[in-house]
Amino acid sequence: MDRASFEAELAAEGYAAAERAMAPGTFNAEHAHGFDARLLILTGAMTLHRDGASRSYGPGESFAVPAGVRHAEQVGPEGVTYIGGRRAAAA
């Protein structure tokens, strides 16, 4: 998916978007957010560990993590930049 299409989808679905980056090798231990999240990888790679499985995402790939879902994140050796969308969790 391209950046413009992803950002248009985020806006249409009520997400606030921002470009973010994480340093090479960053590991965020298992946690959950109080918001829905969607990410589009721009450069580098990130592996998402969730529901007993792991999947790596690279440029042009996106994923979603609903509010309250426990997960961990591992950044690849080149770091990662991404568009991150956040939206308040449904009541």
Protein backbone atom coordinates (compact mmCIF):
# COMPACT_ATOMS: atom_id res chain seq x y z
CA MET A 1 0.00 0.00 0.00
CA ASP A 2 1.24 3.50 -0.69
CA ARG A 3 1.48 6.25 1.91
CA ALA A 4 -1.21 8.54 0.45
CA SER A 5 -3.80 5.74 0.29
CA PHE A 6 -2.96 4.59 3.82
CA GLU A 7 -3.24 8.11 5.25
CA ALA A 8 -6.56 8.61 3.43
CA GLU A 9 -7.89 5.37 4.96
CA LEU A 10 -6.73 6.43 8.42
CA ALA A 11 -8.47 9.79 8.11
CA ALA A 12 -11.69 8.18 6.86
CA GLU A 13 -11.67 5.74 9.80
CA GLY A 14 -11.04 8.39 12.48
CA TYR A 15 -7.33 7.75 13.13
CA ALA A 16 -4.82 10.49 13.91
CA ALA A 17 -1.64 9.81 11.91
CA ALA A 18 2.02 10.66 12.50
CA GLU A 19 5.32 9.57 11.02
CA ARG A 20 7.49 7.86 13.62
CA ALA A 21 10.82 6.03 13.80
CA MET A 22 12.39 3.44 16.08
CA ALA A 23 16.10 2.69 16.47
CA PRO A 24 17.72 -0.50 15.19
CA GLY A 25 17.19 -3.50 17.45
CA THR A 26 14.57 -1.83 19.66
CA PHE A 27 12.44 -4.37 21.51
CA ASN A 28 9.19 -3.37 23.18
CA ALA A 29 8.18 -6.16 25.57
CA GLU A 30 4.63 -7.46 25.63
CA HIS A 31 2.14 -4.69 26.29
CA ALA A 32 -1.28 -3.43 25.22
CA HIS A 33 -2.53 0.01 24.22
CA GLY A 34 -5.69 1.82 25.24
CA PHE A 35 -6.23 2.78 21.58
CA ASP A 36 -6.59 1.07 18.21
CA ALA A 37 -3.36 1.24 16.19
CA ARG A 38 -2.58 0.83 12.50
CA LEU A 39 0.93 1.03 11.03
CA LEU A 40 2.36 1.26 7.53
CA ILE A 41 6.06 0.48 7.30
CA LEU A 42 7.95 3.05 5.21
CA THR A 43 11.56 1.84 5.61
CA GLY A 44 13.23 -0.96 7.52
CA ALA A 45 11.33 -3.75 9.23
CA MET A 46 9.37 -4.58 12.37
CA THR A 47 8.35 -7.96 13.71
CA LEU A 48 5.07 -8.13 15.59
CA HIS A 49 4.66 -10.90 18.19
CA ARG A 50 0.97 -11.48 18.91
CA ASP A 51 -1.38 -14.34 19.73
CA GLY A 52 1.51 -16.83 19.92
CA ALA A 53 2.79 -16.01 16.43
CA SER A 54 5.35 -13.65 14.92
CA ARG A 55 5.27 -11.84 11.60
CA SER A 56 7.74 -9.42 10.07
CA TYR A 57 6.57 -6.40 8.07
CA GLY A 58 8.62 -4.41 5.58
CA PRO A 59 8.12 -1.36 3.35
CA GLY A 60 4.59 -1.06 1.97
CA GLU A 61 3.11 -3.55 4.44
CA SER A 62 0.62 -2.60 7.13
CA PHE A 63 -0.95 -4.13 10.20
CA ALA A 64 -3.47 -3.30 12.90
CA VAL A 65 -3.48 -3.92 16.64
CA PRO A 66 -6.85 -3.33 18.32
CA ALA A 67 -6.97 -1.69 21.73
CA GLY A 68 -6.30 -4.10 24.58
CA VAL A 69 -4.54 -6.75 22.47
CA ARG A 70 -1.24 -7.81 24.03
CA HIS A 71 1.73 -7.80 21.68
CA ALA A 72 5.48 -7.17 21.47
CA GLU A 73 7.51 -5.38 18.79
CA GLN A 74 11.04 -6.06 17.52
CA VAL A 75 12.74 -3.62 15.16
CA GLY A 76 15.15 -4.95 12.56
CA PRO A 77 18.87 -4.12 12.37
CA GLU A 78 18.30 -1.13 10.06
CA GLY A 79 15.65 0.51 12.25
CA VAL A 80 12.16 1.36 11.07
CA THR A 81 10.14 4.38 10.00
CA TYR A 82 6.39 4.13 9.74
CA ILE A 83 3.11 5.98 9.63
CA GLY A 84 1.28 5.21 12.85
CA GLY A 85 -2.43 5.79 13.24
CA ARG A 86 -4.16 5.94 16.61
CA ARG A 87 -7.87 6.02 17.33
CA ALA A 88 -9.75 6.00 20.62
CA ALA A 89 -11.00 2.54 21.53
CA ALA A 90 -14.71 1.90 21.14
CA ALA A 91 -16.57 1.99 24.46
